C-alpha atoms as a PDB file:
ATOM      1  CA  MET A   1     -12.998 -26.575  34.440  1.00  0.00           C
ATOM      2  CA  SER A   2     -14.283 -23.016  34.563  1.00  0.00           C
ATOM      3  CA  SER A   3     -13.379 -19.623  33.155  1.00  0.00           C
ATOM      4  CA  LEU A   4     -12.704 -16.239  34.692  1.00  0.00           C
ATOM      5  CA  GLY A   5     -16.082 -15.040  33.443  1.00  0.00           C
ATOM      6  CA  GLU A   6     -17.887 -17.961  35.055  1.00  0.00           C
ATOM      7  CA  ASN A   7     -16.055 -17.345  38.328  1.00  0.00           C
ATOM      8  CA  LEU A   8     -16.976 -13.650  38.243  1.00  0.00           C
ATOM      9  CA  LYS A   9     -20.625 -14.469  37.620  1.00  0.00           C
ATOM     10  CA  TYR A  10     -20.622 -17.060  40.411  1.00  0.00           C
ATOM     11  CA  LEU A  11     -19.103 -14.596  42.888  1.00  0.00           C
ATOM     12  CA  ARG A  12     -21.627 -11.940  41.945  1.00  0.00           C
ATOM     13  CA  LYS A  13     -24.551 -14.321  42.335  1.00  0.00           C
ATOM     14  CA  ILE A  14     -23.471 -15.739  45.712  1.00  0.00           C
ATOM     15  CA  ASN A  15     -23.095 -12.154  46.919  1.00  0.00           C
ATOM     16  CA  LYS A  16     -26.636 -11.490  45.647  1.00  0.00           C
ATOM     17  CA  ILE A  17     -25.902  -8.429  43.576  1.00  0.00           C
ATOM     18  CA  SER A  18     -27.038  -7.622  40.055  1.00  0.00           C
ATOM     19  CA  GLN A  19     -24.745  -6.806  37.174  1.00  0.00           C
ATOM     20  CA  LYS A  20     -25.864  -3.190  37.496  1.00  0.00           C
ATOM     21  CA  GLU A  21     -25.017  -3.070  41.220  1.00  0.00           C
ATOM     22  CA  PHE A  22     -21.661  -4.723  40.584  1.00  0.00           C
ATOM     23  CA  ALA A  23     -20.928  -2.268  37.773  1.00  0.00           C
ATOM     24  CA  LEU A  24     -21.642   0.652  40.096  1.00  0.00           C
ATOM     25  CA  LYS A  25     -19.307  -0.757  42.754  1.00  0.00           C
ATOM     26  CA  MET A  26     -16.622  -1.262  40.092  1.00  0.00           C
ATOM     27  CA  ASN A  27     -17.182   2.158  38.508  1.00  0.00           C
ATOM     28  CA  THR A  28     -17.855   0.590  35.111  1.00  0.00           C
ATOM     29  CA  THR A  29     -20.872  -0.233  32.957  1.00  0.00           C
ATOM     30  CA  GLN A  30     -23.283  -3.139  33.126  1.00  0.00           C
ATOM     31  CA  GLN A  31     -22.318  -3.924  29.530  1.00  0.00           C
ATOM     32  CA  ARG A  32     -18.656  -4.262  30.547  1.00  0.00           C
ATOM     33  CA  VAL A  33     -19.594  -6.608  33.417  1.00  0.00           C
ATOM     34  CA  SER A  34     -21.589  -8.701  30.952  1.00  0.00           C
ATOM     35  CA  GLU A  35     -18.580  -8.823  28.613  1.00  0.00           C
ATOM     36  CA  TRP A  36     -16.388 -10.022  31.490  1.00  0.00           C
ATOM     37  CA  GLU A  37     -18.888 -12.703  32.497  1.00  0.00           C
ATOM     38  CA  CYS A  38     -19.299 -13.893  28.884  1.00  0.00           C
ATOM     39  CA  ASN A  39     -15.499 -14.017  28.426  1.00  0.00           C
ATOM     40  CA  LYS A  40     -15.633 -11.470  25.590  1.00  0.00           C
ATOM     41  CA  VAL A  41     -13.202  -9.157  27.414  1.00  0.00           C
ATOM     42  CA  GLU A  42     -10.940  -9.774  30.393  1.00  0.00           C
ATOM     43  CA  PRO A  43     -10.853  -7.249  33.216  1.00  0.00           C
ATOM     44  CA  SER A  44      -7.706  -5.164  33.499  1.00  0.00           C
ATOM     45  CA  LEU A  45      -5.262  -5.882  36.294  1.00  0.00           C
ATOM     46  CA  TYR A  46      -6.555  -2.750  38.035  1.00  0.00           C
ATOM     47  CA  ASN A  47     -10.115  -4.116  37.912  1.00  0.00           C
ATOM     48  CA  ILE A  48      -9.015  -7.558  39.056  1.00  0.00           C
ATOM     49  CA  VAL A  49      -7.461  -5.971  42.142  1.00  0.00           C
ATOM     50  CA  LYS A  50     -10.709  -4.050  42.748  1.00  0.00           C
ATOM     51  CA  ILE A  51     -12.678  -7.317  42.433  1.00  0.00           C
ATOM     52  CA  LEU A  52     -10.400  -9.025  44.977  1.00  0.00           C
ATOM     53  CA  HIS A  53     -10.964  -6.189  47.442  1.00  0.00           C
ATOM     54  CA  LEU A  54     -14.690  -5.979  46.783  1.00  0.00           C
ATOM     55  CA  TYR A  55     -15.246  -9.675  47.471  1.00  0.00           C
ATOM     56  CA  ASN A  56     -12.412  -9.946  50.025  1.00  0.00           C
ATOM     57  CA  ILE A  57     -10.874 -12.899  48.198  1.00  0.00           C
ATOM     58  CA  THR A  58      -7.402 -13.895  47.019  1.00  0.00           C
ATOM     59  CA  PHE A  59      -6.262 -14.083  43.416  1.00  0.00           C
ATOM     60  CA  GLU A  60      -6.057 -17.864  43.819  1.00  0.00           C
ATOM     61  CA  GLU A  61      -9.706 -17.986  44.886  1.00  0.00           C
ATOM     62  CA  LEU A  62     -10.734 -15.886  41.876  1.00  0.00           C
ATOM     63  CA  MET A  63      -8.814 -18.166  39.522  1.00  0.00           C
ATOM     64  CA  GLU A  64      -9.988 -21.433  41.092  1.00  0.00           C
ATOM     65  CA  GLY A  65     -10.720 -24.129  38.534  1.00  0.00           C
ATOM     66  CA  ILE A  66      -9.238 -22.225  35.596  1.00  0.00           C
ATOM     67  CA  ASP A  67      -6.692 -24.079  33.474  1.00  0.00           C
ATOM     68  CA  ILE A  68      -4.139 -21.536  32.241  1.00  0.00           C
ATOM     69  CA  ASN A  69      -2.415 -23.920  29.809  1.00  0.00           C
END
């Protein structure tokens, strides 16, 4: 089982971009990206949609392996 933060980190790493580069593409801070990846804060719906477009993935792909119960 994984978490949203782990999935975000995995996507970023397989796309070979740093937290700083990802933050720039998302128009946010590196600290905020770190908080997302460490599951301290969840991205807003607006940012989730931006992530889906950035990586050209579906919501289901982003949420893969996450148990919502």
